[in-house]
Amino acid sequence: MTDELDVYLVTDEGLSAGRSTVEIVEAAIRGGVDIVQLREKSASANERYELGRELRVLTREAGVPLIVNDRVDLAAALDADGVHLGDDDLPVSVAREQLGEAAIIGRSVSTPEAARRAEEAGADYLGVGAVFATDSKDDVSPEQQGIGLDRIRAVREATDLPFVGIGGVTPHNATDVVEAGADGVAVISAVTGADEPEVATRALGKAVRSPEVAADD
């Protein structure tokens, strides 16, 4: 498991203002991103594979873990560092069998109960949200939208697993998410849609790692 979850980028070329995902990831790496997840829900499996090959080279050279959203088979084909699973995906235990003990396996949850189940199943980290209402994740059910900081605190009490808060997170509210108990933040549009993705990534890192300094900016 990676030691750093401060700034976790989830890719989505549809929110990248005409720029390619490769360009966004390159900028995020320059800005100090800690982990990258290949998502690209609207792309075909083959398109994701070809993109993943490029991202695998970039992230490996930078020493940044590459995680694949949902697809255990794609994670294996790309020799990615791991996979991130949701409610409709394979169980954590099956992903572990397919990818091996060294793989990083994440799980999306929105309640303390789900967090405990994921920990018992052997997940390495959690993505908790959507913390704030967001349009970036159209696969989030209404009851999982805007769960708020109190839920982050409840999840922190329920599990020892590291986790990131995701959903509507920006450099302006990232500190609140971490102070509520998250180990870091996961973002889509806060970086992919930013005018300067490198600067946005760096600002998120500052908000997570040095909240007192970020509050003064």
N, C-alpha and C. Protein backbone atom coordinates (compact mmCIF):
# COMPACT_ATOMS: atom_id res chain seq x y z
N MET A 1 0.84 -1.20 0.00
CA MET A 1 0.00 0.00 0.00
C MET A 1 0.87 1.25 0.00
N THR A 2 0.52 2.20 -0.85
CA THR A 2 1.25 3.46 -0.87
C THR A 2 1.12 4.18 0.46
N ASP A 3 2.18 4.85 0.87
CA ASP A 3 2.15 5.60 2.13
C ASP A 3 1.47 6.95 1.97
N GLU A 4 1.31 7.40 0.73
CA GLU A 4 0.78 8.74 0.49
C GLU A 4 -0.57 8.69 -0.22
N LEU A 5 -1.55 9.33 0.40
CA LEU A 5 -2.87 9.47 -0.22
C LEU A 5 -3.30 10.93 -0.20
N ASP A 6 -2.36 11.85 -0.03
CA ASP A 6 -2.72 13.25 0.15
C ASP A 6 -3.57 13.78 -1.00
N VAL A 7 -3.04 13.65 -2.22
CA VAL A 7 -3.76 14.14 -3.40
C VAL A 7 -3.89 13.00 -4.39
N TYR A 8 -5.12 12.60 -4.63
CA TYR A 8 -5.46 11.42 -5.43
C TYR A 8 -6.27 11.93 -6.62
N LEU A 9 -5.72 11.80 -7.83
CA LEU A 9 -6.39 12.27 -9.04
C LEU A 9 -7.15 11.15 -9.72
N VAL A 10 -8.42 11.42 -10.03
CA VAL A 10 -9.25 10.50 -10.81
C VAL A 10 -9.46 11.13 -12.18
N THR A 11 -9.10 10.42 -13.24
CA THR A 11 -9.12 11.02 -14.57
C THR A 11 -10.51 11.01 -15.20
N ASP A 12 -10.76 12.03 -16.02
CA ASP A 12 -12.00 12.12 -16.80
C ASP A 12 -11.77 13.15 -17.90
N GLU A 13 -11.46 12.65 -19.10
CA GLU A 13 -11.13 13.55 -20.19
C GLU A 13 -12.30 14.45 -20.56
N GLY A 14 -13.53 13.99 -20.30
CA GLY A 14 -14.70 14.79 -20.60
C GLY A 14 -14.79 16.06 -19.79
N LEU A 15 -14.05 16.14 -18.69
CA LEU A 15 -14.05 17.33 -17.84
C LEU A 15 -12.73 18.11 -17.94
N SER A 16 -11.94 17.79 -18.96
CA SER A 16 -10.59 18.34 -19.04
C SER A 16 -10.45 19.54 -19.96
N ALA A 17 -11.58 20.18 -20.32
CA ALA A 17 -11.57 21.42 -21.10
C ALA A 17 -10.77 21.30 -22.39
N GLY A 18 -10.96 20.19 -23.10
CA GLY A 18 -10.32 20.01 -24.39
C GLY A 18 -8.91 19.48 -24.34
N ARG A 19 -8.38 19.30 -23.16
CA ARG A 19 -7.02 18.76 -23.02
C ARG A 19 -7.08 17.25 -22.86
N SER A 20 -5.99 16.59 -23.20
CA SER A 20 -5.97 15.13 -23.08
C SER A 20 -5.70 14.72 -21.64
N THR A 21 -6.11 13.51 -21.30
CA THR A 21 -5.83 12.99 -19.97
C THR A 21 -4.33 12.89 -19.73
N VAL A 22 -3.57 12.56 -20.77
CA VAL A 22 -2.11 12.50 -20.62
C VAL A 22 -1.57 13.86 -20.20
N GLU A 23 -2.05 14.93 -20.84
CA GLU A 23 -1.60 16.28 -20.47
C GLU A 23 -1.95 16.60 -19.02
N ILE A 24 -3.15 16.23 -18.61
CA ILE A 24 -3.59 16.50 -17.24
C ILE A 24 -2.73 15.74 -16.24
N VAL A 25 -2.47 14.48 -16.52
CA VAL A 25 -1.67 13.66 -15.60
C VAL A 25 -0.23 14.17 -15.54
N GLU A 26 0.32 14.56 -16.68
CA GLU A 26 1.68 15.13 -16.68
C GLU A 26 1.74 16.37 -15.78
N ALA A 27 0.73 17.23 -15.89
CA ALA A 27 0.70 18.44 -15.08
C ALA A 27 0.51 18.10 -13.60
N ALA A 28 -0.35 17.13 -13.32
CA ALA A 28 -0.59 16.73 -11.93
C ALA A 28 0.67 16.14 -11.30
N ILE A 29 1.41 15.39 -12.08
CA ILE A 29 2.67 14.83 -11.57
C ILE A 29 3.65 15.96 -11.24
N ARG A 30 3.72 16.95 -12.11
CA ARG A 30 4.59 18.10 -11.82
C ARG A 30 4.12 18.82 -10.55
N GLY A 31 2.83 18.80 -10.31
CA GLY A 31 2.27 19.46 -9.13
C GLY A 31 2.34 18.64 -7.85
N GLY A 32 2.85 17.40 -7.96
CA GLY A 32 3.06 16.59 -6.77
C GLY A 32 1.94 15.63 -6.43
N VAL A 33 1.15 15.21 -7.42
CA VAL A 33 0.08 14.25 -7.14
C VAL A 33 0.66 12.96 -6.55
N ASP A 34 -0.09 12.33 -5.65
CA ASP A 34 0.41 11.14 -4.96
C ASP A 34 -0.06 9.83 -5.58
N ILE A 35 -1.20 9.86 -6.24
CA ILE A 35 -1.74 8.63 -6.82
C ILE A 35 -2.69 9.02 -7.95
N VAL A 36 -2.73 8.21 -9.01
CA VAL A 36 -3.58 8.49 -10.17
C VAL A 36 -4.48 7.30 -10.42
N GLN A 37 -5.76 7.58 -10.59
CA GLN A 37 -6.72 6.54 -10.95
C GLN A 37 -7.22 6.74 -12.37
N LEU A 38 -7.06 5.72 -13.20
CA LEU A 38 -7.59 5.73 -14.56
C LEU A 38 -9.08 5.38 -14.49
N ARG A 39 -9.93 6.37 -14.79
CA ARG A 39 -11.38 6.15 -14.72
C ARG A 39 -11.97 6.13 -16.12
N GLU A 40 -12.17 7.28 -16.73
CA GLU A 40 -12.63 7.40 -18.12
C GLU A 40 -13.83 6.51 -18.41
N LYS A 41 -14.92 6.74 -17.69
CA LYS A 41 -16.12 5.91 -17.81
C LYS A 41 -16.70 5.87 -19.22
N SER A 42 -16.55 6.96 -19.97
CA SER A 42 -17.17 7.01 -21.30
C SER A 42 -16.33 6.36 -22.38
N ALA A 43 -15.11 5.96 -22.07
CA ALA A 43 -14.23 5.34 -23.06
C ALA A 43 -14.47 3.84 -23.14
N SER A 44 -14.17 3.27 -24.29
CA SER A 44 -14.28 1.82 -24.45
C SER A 44 -13.14 1.14 -23.70
N ALA A 45 -13.26 -0.16 -23.53
CA ALA A 45 -12.21 -0.90 -22.85
C ALA A 45 -10.89 -0.77 -23.60
N ASN A 46 -10.95 -0.82 -24.93
CA ASN A 46 -9.72 -0.70 -25.71
C ASN A 46 -9.12 0.69 -25.59
N GLU A 47 -9.97 1.72 -25.61
CA GLU A 47 -9.47 3.09 -25.45
C GLU A 47 -8.83 3.27 -24.07
N ARG A 48 -9.45 2.71 -23.06
CA ARG A 48 -8.87 2.81 -21.72
C ARG A 48 -7.54 2.06 -21.63
N TYR A 49 -7.47 0.94 -22.32
CA TYR A 49 -6.22 0.18 -22.32
C TYR A 49 -5.10 0.98 -22.96
N GLU A 50 -5.37 1.55 -24.14
CA GLU A 50 -4.34 2.32 -24.84
C GLU A 50 -3.91 3.54 -24.02
N LEU A 51 -4.89 4.22 -23.42
CA LEU A 51 -4.56 5.35 -22.56
C LEU A 51 -3.79 4.89 -21.33
N GLY A 52 -4.22 3.78 -20.77
CA GLY A 52 -3.56 3.24 -19.60
C GLY A 52 -2.10 2.89 -19.85
N ARG A 53 -1.79 2.44 -21.06
CA ARG A 53 -0.38 2.14 -21.40
C ARG A 53 0.47 3.40 -21.32
N GLU A 54 -0.07 4.51 -21.81
CA GLU A 54 0.67 5.77 -21.73
C GLU A 54 0.82 6.23 -20.28
N LEU A 55 -0.27 6.12 -19.53
CA LEU A 55 -0.22 6.56 -18.13
C LEU A 55 0.69 5.67 -17.31
N ARG A 56 0.76 4.39 -17.65
CA ARG A 56 1.63 3.47 -16.91
C ARG A 56 3.09 3.91 -17.04
N VAL A 57 3.48 4.34 -18.24
CA VAL A 57 4.85 4.82 -18.45
C VAL A 57 5.10 6.08 -17.64
N LEU A 58 4.18 7.03 -17.72
CA LEU A 58 4.34 8.30 -17.00
C LEU A 58 4.42 8.09 -15.49
N THR A 59 3.48 7.32 -14.96
CA THR A 59 3.43 7.15 -13.51
C THR A 59 4.58 6.32 -12.99
N ARG A 60 4.99 5.33 -13.75
CA ARG A 60 6.12 4.51 -13.31
C ARG A 60 7.40 5.34 -13.26
N GLU A 61 7.61 6.17 -14.27
CA GLU A 61 8.80 7.03 -14.28
C GLU A 61 8.79 8.01 -13.11
N ALA A 62 7.58 8.45 -12.72
CA ALA A 62 7.46 9.43 -11.64
C ALA A 62 7.37 8.79 -10.27
N GLY A 63 7.25 7.48 -10.22
CA GLY A 63 7.10 6.81 -8.94
C GLY A 63 5.74 7.04 -8.31
N VAL A 64 4.72 7.24 -9.14
CA VAL A 64 3.36 7.50 -8.68
C VAL A 64 2.51 6.26 -8.97
N PRO A 65 1.83 5.69 -7.97
CA PRO A 65 0.99 4.51 -8.21
C PRO A 65 -0.13 4.79 -9.20
N LEU A 66 -0.40 3.83 -10.06
CA LEU A 66 -1.52 3.89 -11.01
C LEU A 66 -2.57 2.87 -10.60
N ILE A 67 -3.78 3.36 -10.38
CA ILE A 67 -4.91 2.53 -9.99
C ILE A 67 -5.92 2.55 -11.13
N VAL A 68 -6.58 1.43 -11.38
CA VAL A 68 -7.62 1.36 -12.42
C VAL A 68 -8.98 1.29 -11.75
N ASN A 69 -9.90 2.09 -12.22
CA ASN A 69 -11.26 2.07 -11.70
C ASN A 69 -12.03 0.86 -12.20
N ASP A 70 -12.62 0.13 -11.30
CA ASP A 70 -13.58 -0.96 -11.60
C ASP A 70 -12.98 -2.24 -12.17
N ARG A 71 -12.12 -2.12 -13.18
CA ARG A 71 -11.77 -3.25 -14.03
C ARG A 71 -10.52 -3.97 -13.55
N VAL A 72 -10.73 -5.12 -12.92
CA VAL A 72 -9.61 -5.93 -12.45
C VAL A 72 -8.80 -6.45 -13.63
N ASP A 73 -9.50 -6.84 -14.71
CA ASP A 73 -8.80 -7.37 -15.88
C ASP A 73 -7.91 -6.32 -16.53
N LEU A 74 -8.39 -5.08 -16.58
CA LEU A 74 -7.61 -4.01 -17.16
C LEU A 74 -6.41 -3.68 -16.28
N ALA A 75 -6.61 -3.70 -14.98
CA ALA A 75 -5.50 -3.46 -14.05
C ALA A 75 -4.40 -4.49 -14.26
N ALA A 76 -4.79 -5.75 -14.45
CA ALA A 76 -3.81 -6.81 -14.68
C ALA A 76 -3.11 -6.64 -16.02
N ALA A 77 -3.88 -6.29 -17.05
CA ALA A 77 -3.30 -6.12 -18.39
C ALA A 77 -2.29 -4.98 -18.44
N LEU A 78 -2.53 -3.95 -17.64
CA LEU A 78 -1.64 -2.79 -17.64
C LEU A 78 -0.50 -2.91 -16.64
N ASP A 79 -0.51 -3.98 -15.85
CA ASP A 79 0.44 -4.10 -14.75
C ASP A 79 0.34 -2.87 -13.85
N ALA A 80 -0.91 -2.44 -13.62
CA ALA A 80 -1.17 -1.30 -12.74
C ALA A 80 -0.86 -1.70 -11.30
N ASP A 81 -0.77 -0.70 -10.45
CA ASP A 81 -0.47 -0.97 -9.04
C ASP A 81 -1.68 -1.48 -8.27
N GLY A 82 -2.88 -1.29 -8.84
CA GLY A 82 -4.05 -1.77 -8.14
C GLY A 82 -5.34 -1.40 -8.83
N VAL A 83 -6.44 -1.58 -8.11
CA VAL A 83 -7.77 -1.36 -8.65
C VAL A 83 -8.63 -0.71 -7.57
N HIS A 84 -9.60 0.09 -8.03
CA HIS A 84 -10.56 0.69 -7.10
C HIS A 84 -11.94 0.17 -7.43
N LEU A 85 -12.64 -0.35 -6.43
CA LEU A 85 -13.89 -1.06 -6.63
C LEU A 85 -15.08 -0.34 -6.01
N GLY A 86 -16.23 -0.48 -6.67
CA GLY A 86 -17.48 0.06 -6.16
C GLY A 86 -18.45 -1.05 -5.83
N ASP A 87 -19.68 -0.67 -5.53
CA ASP A 87 -20.69 -1.65 -5.11
C ASP A 87 -21.00 -2.68 -6.18
N ASP A 88 -20.90 -2.29 -7.45
CA ASP A 88 -21.28 -3.19 -8.55
C ASP A 88 -20.10 -3.96 -9.14
N ASP A 89 -18.94 -3.81 -8.55
CA ASP A 89 -17.74 -4.47 -9.07
C ASP A 89 -17.46 -5.78 -8.35
N LEU A 90 -16.40 -6.46 -8.76
CA LEU A 90 -16.01 -7.69 -8.10
C LEU A 90 -15.71 -7.46 -6.62
N PRO A 91 -15.92 -8.48 -5.79
CA PRO A 91 -15.58 -8.35 -4.37
C PRO A 91 -14.07 -8.13 -4.19
N VAL A 92 -13.72 -7.50 -3.08
CA VAL A 92 -12.32 -7.25 -2.77
C VAL A 92 -11.53 -8.55 -2.76
N SER A 93 -12.10 -9.60 -2.21
CA SER A 93 -11.39 -10.87 -2.09
C SER A 93 -11.05 -11.45 -3.47
N VAL A 94 -11.95 -11.30 -4.42
CA VAL A 94 -11.70 -11.82 -5.77
C VAL A 94 -10.62 -10.99 -6.46
N ALA A 95 -10.70 -9.68 -6.30
CA ALA A 95 -9.66 -8.82 -6.87
C ALA A 95 -8.30 -9.18 -6.30
N ARG A 96 -8.26 -9.47 -5.02
CA ARG A 96 -6.99 -9.84 -4.38
C ARG A 96 -6.46 -11.15 -4.98
N GLU A 97 -7.33 -12.11 -5.20
CA GLU A 97 -6.91 -13.37 -5.81
C GLU A 97 -6.34 -13.15 -7.21
N GLN A 98 -6.96 -12.24 -7.96
CA GLN A 98 -6.55 -12.02 -9.34
C GLN A 98 -5.27 -11.19 -9.45
N LEU A 99 -5.11 -10.22 -8.55
CA LEU A 99 -4.01 -9.26 -8.68
C LEU A 99 -2.85 -9.52 -7.74
N GLY A 100 -3.07 -10.33 -6.70
CA GLY A 100 -1.97 -10.67 -5.80
C GLY A 100 -1.93 -9.82 -4.55
N GLU A 101 -1.14 -10.26 -3.61
CA GLU A 101 -1.07 -9.62 -2.30
C GLU A 101 -0.46 -8.22 -2.37
N ALA A 102 0.39 -7.97 -3.35
CA ALA A 102 1.05 -6.67 -3.43
C ALA A 102 0.16 -5.58 -4.03
N ALA A 103 -0.95 -5.97 -4.64
CA ALA A 103 -1.82 -5.00 -5.29
C ALA A 103 -2.48 -4.07 -4.27
N ILE A 104 -2.67 -2.82 -4.68
CA ILE A 104 -3.40 -1.84 -3.87
C ILE A 104 -4.87 -1.94 -4.26
N ILE A 105 -5.71 -2.28 -3.31
CA ILE A 105 -7.14 -2.44 -3.60
C ILE A 105 -7.94 -1.44 -2.76
N GLY A 106 -8.62 -0.54 -3.47
CA GLY A 106 -9.46 0.45 -2.82
C GLY A 106 -10.92 0.11 -2.97
N ARG A 107 -11.73 0.70 -2.08
CA ARG A 107 -13.17 0.43 -2.10
C ARG A 107 -13.93 1.72 -1.83
N SER A 108 -14.93 2.01 -2.64
CA SER A 108 -15.79 3.17 -2.41
C SER A 108 -16.84 2.84 -1.36
N VAL A 109 -16.99 3.71 -0.38
CA VAL A 109 -18.00 3.53 0.67
C VAL A 109 -18.58 4.90 1.00
N SER A 110 -19.74 4.88 1.66
CA SER A 110 -20.34 6.14 2.09
C SER A 110 -20.88 6.08 3.51
N THR A 111 -20.71 4.93 4.18
CA THR A 111 -21.20 4.78 5.54
C THR A 111 -20.15 4.09 6.41
N PRO A 112 -20.23 4.27 7.73
CA PRO A 112 -19.32 3.55 8.63
C PRO A 112 -19.46 2.04 8.50
N GLU A 113 -20.68 1.57 8.31
CA GLU A 113 -20.90 0.12 8.20
C GLU A 113 -20.19 -0.44 6.97
N ALA A 114 -20.31 0.26 5.86
CA ALA A 114 -19.64 -0.19 4.64
C ALA A 114 -18.12 -0.13 4.80
N ALA A 115 -17.63 0.86 5.52
CA ALA A 115 -16.20 0.97 5.77
C ALA A 115 -15.69 -0.24 6.56
N ARG A 116 -16.45 -0.64 7.57
CA ARG A 116 -16.04 -1.81 8.37
C ARG A 116 -16.04 -3.07 7.52
N ARG A 117 -17.06 -3.22 6.66
CA ARG A 117 -17.12 -4.40 5.80
C ARG A 117 -15.93 -4.44 4.83
N ALA A 118 -15.59 -3.29 4.28
CA ALA A 118 -14.46 -3.23 3.35
C ALA A 118 -13.16 -3.57 4.05
N GLU A 119 -13.00 -3.10 5.27
CA GLU A 119 -11.79 -3.42 6.03
C GLU A 119 -11.71 -4.92 6.30
N GLU A 120 -12.83 -5.50 6.70
CA GLU A 120 -12.86 -6.94 6.97
C GLU A 120 -12.58 -7.76 5.71
N ALA A 121 -12.98 -7.22 4.54
CA ALA A 121 -12.78 -7.93 3.27
C ALA A 121 -11.35 -7.83 2.78
N GLY A 122 -10.55 -6.93 3.37
CA GLY A 122 -9.15 -6.84 2.99
C GLY A 122 -8.79 -5.67 2.10
N ALA A 123 -9.65 -4.66 2.04
CA ALA A 123 -9.30 -3.46 1.26
C ALA A 123 -8.10 -2.77 1.89
N ASP A 124 -7.32 -2.08 1.06
CA ASP A 124 -6.15 -1.35 1.53
C ASP A 124 -6.46 0.09 1.89
N TYR A 125 -7.43 0.67 1.21
CA TYR A 125 -7.83 2.05 1.48
C TYR A 125 -9.27 2.23 1.03
N LEU A 126 -9.86 3.35 1.41
CA LEU A 126 -11.24 3.65 1.05
C LEU A 126 -11.33 5.00 0.35
N GLY A 127 -12.32 5.11 -0.52
CA GLY A 127 -12.74 6.39 -1.06
C GLY A 127 -14.11 6.68 -0.46
N VAL A 128 -14.24 7.74 0.31
CA VAL A 128 -15.47 8.02 1.05
C VAL A 128 -16.14 9.25 0.47
N GLY A 129 -17.42 9.11 0.11
CA GLY A 129 -18.13 10.25 -0.45
C GLY A 129 -19.45 9.84 -1.06
N ALA A 130 -20.05 10.76 -1.78
CA ALA A 130 -19.50 12.07 -2.12
C ALA A 130 -19.65 13.02 -0.92
N VAL A 131 -18.51 13.62 -0.51
CA VAL A 131 -18.53 14.47 0.67
C VAL A 131 -19.44 15.67 0.45
N PHE A 132 -19.24 16.35 -0.67
CA PHE A 132 -20.08 17.48 -1.05
C PHE A 132 -20.78 17.12 -2.36
N ALA A 133 -21.88 17.75 -2.64
CA ALA A 133 -22.60 17.47 -3.88
C ALA A 133 -21.69 17.74 -5.07
N THR A 134 -21.74 16.84 -6.07
CA THR A 134 -20.85 16.97 -7.22
C THR A 134 -21.53 16.47 -8.48
N ASP A 135 -21.16 17.06 -9.61
CA ASP A 135 -21.65 16.59 -10.91
C ASP A 135 -20.62 15.70 -11.60
N SER A 136 -19.44 15.56 -11.00
CA SER A 136 -18.36 14.82 -11.67
C SER A 136 -18.60 13.33 -11.67
N LYS A 137 -19.29 12.83 -10.62
CA LYS A 137 -19.54 11.39 -10.52
C LYS A 137 -21.03 11.13 -10.69
N ASP A 138 -21.42 10.86 -11.95
CA ASP A 138 -22.83 10.66 -12.24
C ASP A 138 -23.33 9.28 -11.87
N ASP A 139 -22.43 8.44 -11.34
CA ASP A 139 -22.83 7.09 -10.93
C ASP A 139 -23.09 7.02 -9.43
N VAL A 140 -23.12 8.17 -8.76
CA VAL A 140 -23.36 8.21 -7.32
C VAL A 140 -24.86 8.33 -7.08
N SER A 141 -25.41 7.48 -6.24
CA SER A 141 -26.84 7.51 -5.94
C SER A 141 -27.17 8.72 -5.07
N PRO A 142 -28.44 9.17 -5.06
CA PRO A 142 -28.81 10.36 -4.29
C PRO A 142 -28.44 10.27 -2.81
N GLU A 143 -28.57 9.10 -2.21
CA GLU A 143 -28.24 8.96 -0.78
C GLU A 143 -26.74 9.01 -0.52
N GLN A 144 -25.95 8.93 -1.60
CA GLN A 144 -24.50 9.02 -1.45
C GLN A 144 -23.97 10.40 -1.85
N GLN A 145 -24.86 11.34 -2.12
CA GLN A 145 -24.46 12.68 -2.51
C GLN A 145 -24.45 13.60 -1.29
N GLY A 146 -23.36 14.31 -1.11
CA GLY A 146 -23.29 15.29 -0.04
C GLY A 146 -23.43 14.69 1.34
N ILE A 147 -22.63 13.66 1.63
CA ILE A 147 -22.75 12.98 2.93
C ILE A 147 -22.24 13.86 4.07
N GLY A 148 -21.39 14.82 3.77
CA GLY A 148 -20.97 15.80 4.76
C GLY A 148 -19.81 15.38 5.63
N LEU A 149 -19.31 16.33 6.38
CA LEU A 149 -18.12 16.12 7.21
C LEU A 149 -18.42 15.26 8.43
N ASP A 150 -19.63 15.29 8.94
CA ASP A 150 -19.96 14.43 10.09
C ASP A 150 -19.83 12.96 9.70
N ARG A 151 -20.17 12.62 8.48
CA ARG A 151 -20.04 11.23 8.03
C ARG A 151 -18.56 10.87 7.90
N ILE A 152 -17.74 11.81 7.48
CA ILE A 152 -16.30 11.56 7.42
C ILE A 152 -15.80 11.23 8.83
N ARG A 153 -16.25 12.00 9.81
CA ARG A 153 -15.83 11.74 11.20
C ARG A 153 -16.30 10.35 11.65
N ALA A 154 -17.51 9.97 11.26
CA ALA A 154 -18.05 8.67 11.66
C ALA A 154 -17.28 7.53 11.02
N VAL A 155 -16.91 7.70 9.76
CA VAL A 155 -16.10 6.67 9.08
C VAL A 155 -14.74 6.55 9.75
N ARG A 156 -14.16 7.71 10.12
CA ARG A 156 -12.86 7.67 10.79
C ARG A 156 -12.93 6.88 12.10
N GLU A 157 -14.03 7.01 12.81
CA GLU A 157 -14.20 6.27 14.06
C GLU A 157 -14.43 4.78 13.82
N ALA A 158 -14.93 4.45 12.63
CA ALA A 158 -15.31 3.07 12.35
C ALA A 158 -14.17 2.21 11.81
N THR A 159 -13.12 2.82 11.27
CA THR A 159 -12.08 2.04 10.62
C THR A 159 -10.70 2.63 10.84
N ASP A 160 -9.71 1.75 10.80
CA ASP A 160 -8.32 2.18 10.86
C ASP A 160 -7.71 2.31 9.46
N LEU A 161 -8.47 1.95 8.43
CA LEU A 161 -7.94 2.04 7.07
C LEU A 161 -7.71 3.50 6.67
N PRO A 162 -6.66 3.76 5.91
CA PRO A 162 -6.51 5.10 5.34
C PRO A 162 -7.63 5.35 4.34
N PHE A 163 -8.08 6.61 4.26
CA PHE A 163 -9.11 6.90 3.26
C PHE A 163 -9.02 8.33 2.77
N VAL A 164 -9.55 8.51 1.54
CA VAL A 164 -9.64 9.84 0.94
C VAL A 164 -11.10 10.24 0.89
N GLY A 165 -11.34 11.53 1.10
CA GLY A 165 -12.67 12.07 0.87
C GLY A 165 -12.78 12.51 -0.58
N ILE A 166 -13.89 12.16 -1.23
CA ILE A 166 -14.08 12.49 -2.64
C ILE A 166 -15.47 13.07 -2.84
N GLY A 167 -15.58 13.96 -3.82
CA GLY A 167 -16.86 14.54 -4.16
C GLY A 167 -16.95 16.00 -3.79
N GLY A 168 -16.82 16.87 -4.80
CA GLY A 168 -16.93 18.30 -4.57
C GLY A 168 -15.77 18.90 -3.81
N VAL A 169 -14.66 18.20 -3.75
CA VAL A 169 -13.50 18.69 -2.99
C VAL A 169 -12.70 19.67 -3.85
N THR A 170 -12.29 20.78 -3.24
CA THR A 170 -11.50 21.81 -3.90
C THR A 170 -10.37 22.22 -2.95
N PRO A 171 -9.42 23.03 -3.44
CA PRO A 171 -8.39 23.53 -2.52
C PRO A 171 -8.97 24.33 -1.36
N HIS A 172 -10.18 24.85 -1.53
CA HIS A 172 -10.78 25.69 -0.49
C HIS A 172 -11.43 24.89 0.64
N ASN A 173 -11.84 23.65 0.35
CA ASN A 173 -12.47 22.86 1.41
C ASN A 173 -11.72 21.57 1.75
N ALA A 174 -10.59 21.35 1.08
CA ALA A 174 -9.83 20.12 1.33
C ALA A 174 -9.35 20.03 2.78
N THR A 175 -8.96 21.15 3.36
CA THR A 175 -8.51 21.16 4.75
C THR A 175 -9.60 20.66 5.68
N ASP A 176 -10.84 21.08 5.43
CA ASP A 176 -11.97 20.65 6.26
C ASP A 176 -12.13 19.14 6.22
N VAL A 177 -11.95 18.57 5.03
CA VAL A 177 -12.11 17.12 4.86
C VAL A 177 -11.05 16.36 5.65
N VAL A 178 -9.83 16.85 5.59
CA VAL A 178 -8.73 16.19 6.31
C VAL A 178 -8.88 16.38 7.82
N GLU A 179 -9.27 17.55 8.24
CA GLU A 179 -9.44 17.79 9.67
C GLU A 179 -10.58 16.96 10.25
N ALA A 180 -11.53 16.57 9.39
CA ALA A 180 -12.63 15.71 9.84
C ALA A 180 -12.21 14.25 9.98
N GLY A 181 -11.03 13.91 9.43
CA GLY A 181 -10.54 12.55 9.61
C GLY A 181 -9.99 11.85 8.40
N ALA A 182 -10.18 12.42 7.21
CA ALA A 182 -9.64 11.79 6.00
C ALA A 182 -8.12 11.94 5.97
N ASP A 183 -7.46 10.99 5.32
CA ASP A 183 -6.00 11.04 5.17
C ASP A 183 -5.59 11.88 3.98
N GLY A 184 -6.52 12.11 3.07
CA GLY A 184 -6.24 12.90 1.89
C GLY A 184 -7.53 13.16 1.14
N VAL A 185 -7.40 13.71 -0.07
CA VAL A 185 -8.58 14.02 -0.87
C VAL A 185 -8.41 13.46 -2.27
N ALA A 186 -9.51 13.00 -2.84
CA ALA A 186 -9.54 12.55 -4.22
C ALA A 186 -10.38 13.53 -5.02
N VAL A 187 -9.90 13.89 -6.19
CA VAL A 187 -10.59 14.90 -6.99
C VAL A 187 -10.64 14.50 -8.45
N ILE A 188 -11.65 15.03 -9.11
CA ILE A 188 -11.73 14.91 -10.57
C ILE A 188 -11.62 16.32 -11.15
N SER A 189 -12.73 17.05 -11.15
CA SER A 189 -12.76 18.34 -11.84
C SER A 189 -11.88 19.41 -11.19
N ALA A 190 -11.58 19.29 -9.90
CA ALA A 190 -10.74 20.30 -9.26
C ALA A 190 -9.36 20.37 -9.89
N VAL A 191 -8.94 19.28 -10.52
CA VAL A 191 -7.67 19.28 -11.26
C VAL A 191 -7.92 19.23 -12.76
N THR A 192 -8.74 18.30 -13.23
CA THR A 192 -8.92 18.14 -14.68
C THR A 192 -9.54 19.37 -15.31
N GLY A 193 -10.41 20.07 -14.59
CA GLY A 193 -11.07 21.24 -15.13
C GLY A 193 -10.39 22.55 -14.80
N ALA A 194 -9.32 22.49 -14.04
CA ALA A 194 -8.63 23.71 -13.62
C ALA A 194 -7.91 24.37 -14.79
N ASP A 195 -7.81 25.70 -14.77
CA ASP A 195 -7.06 26.41 -15.80
C ASP A 195 -5.61 25.95 -15.81
N GLU A 196 -5.07 25.73 -14.62
CA GLU A 196 -3.69 25.28 -14.48
C GLU A 196 -3.67 24.04 -13.57
N PRO A 197 -3.79 22.86 -14.13
CA PRO A 197 -3.86 21.64 -13.32
C PRO A 197 -2.68 21.45 -12.38
N GLU A 198 -1.49 21.85 -12.83
CA GLU A 198 -0.31 21.73 -11.97
C GLU A 198 -0.47 22.59 -10.72
N VAL A 199 -0.91 23.82 -10.90
CA VAL A 199 -1.10 24.74 -9.78
C VAL A 199 -2.20 24.23 -8.86
N ALA A 200 -3.28 23.71 -9.44
CA ALA A 200 -4.40 23.20 -8.64
C ALA A 200 -3.96 22.00 -7.81
N THR A 201 -3.16 21.13 -8.39
CA THR A 201 -2.65 19.97 -7.66
C THR A 201 -1.78 20.41 -6.49
N ARG A 202 -0.94 21.37 -6.75
CA ARG A 202 -0.05 21.87 -5.69
C ARG A 202 -0.86 22.54 -4.57
N ALA A 203 -1.92 23.26 -4.93
CA ALA A 203 -2.76 23.92 -3.93
C ALA A 203 -3.49 22.89 -3.08
N LEU A 204 -3.95 21.82 -3.68
CA LEU A 204 -4.60 20.75 -2.91
C LEU A 204 -3.61 20.12 -1.94
N GLY A 205 -2.40 19.88 -2.41
CA GLY A 205 -1.38 19.30 -1.53
C GLY A 205 -1.09 20.19 -0.34
N LYS A 206 -1.03 21.49 -0.60
CA LYS A 206 -0.77 22.43 0.49
C LYS A 206 -1.92 22.41 1.50
N ALA A 207 -3.15 22.35 0.99
CA ALA A 207 -4.32 22.34 1.88
C ALA A 207 -4.35 21.10 2.75
N VAL A 208 -3.89 19.96 2.21
CA VAL A 208 -3.89 18.71 2.97
C VAL A 208 -2.72 18.64 3.94
N ARG A 209 -1.54 19.03 3.48
CA ARG A 209 -0.33 18.83 4.28
C ARG A 209 -0.04 19.98 5.25
N SER A 210 -0.44 21.19 4.86
CA SER A 210 -0.14 22.36 5.70
C SER A 210 -1.38 23.23 5.81
N PRO A 211 -2.41 22.75 6.50
CA PRO A 211 -3.69 23.47 6.51
C PRO A 211 -3.59 24.87 7.07
N GLU A 212 -2.70 25.11 8.03
CA GLU A 212 -2.59 26.45 8.59
C GLU A 212 -2.10 27.42 7.54
N VAL A 213 -1.12 26.95 6.74
CA VAL A 213 -0.57 27.81 5.68
C VAL A 213 -1.61 28.05 4.60
N ALA A 214 -2.33 26.97 4.21
CA ALA A 214 -3.32 27.08 3.15
C ALA A 214 -4.43 28.05 3.56
N ALA A 215 -4.79 28.07 4.84
CA ALA A 215 -5.87 28.93 5.30
C ALA A 215 -5.50 30.40 5.18
N ASP A 216 -4.19 30.69 5.20
CA ASP A 216 -3.73 32.07 5.12
C ASP A 216 -3.58 32.55 3.69
N ASP A 217 -3.60 31.62 2.73
CA ASP A 217 -3.38 32.00 1.33
C ASP A 217 -4.60 32.73 0.75
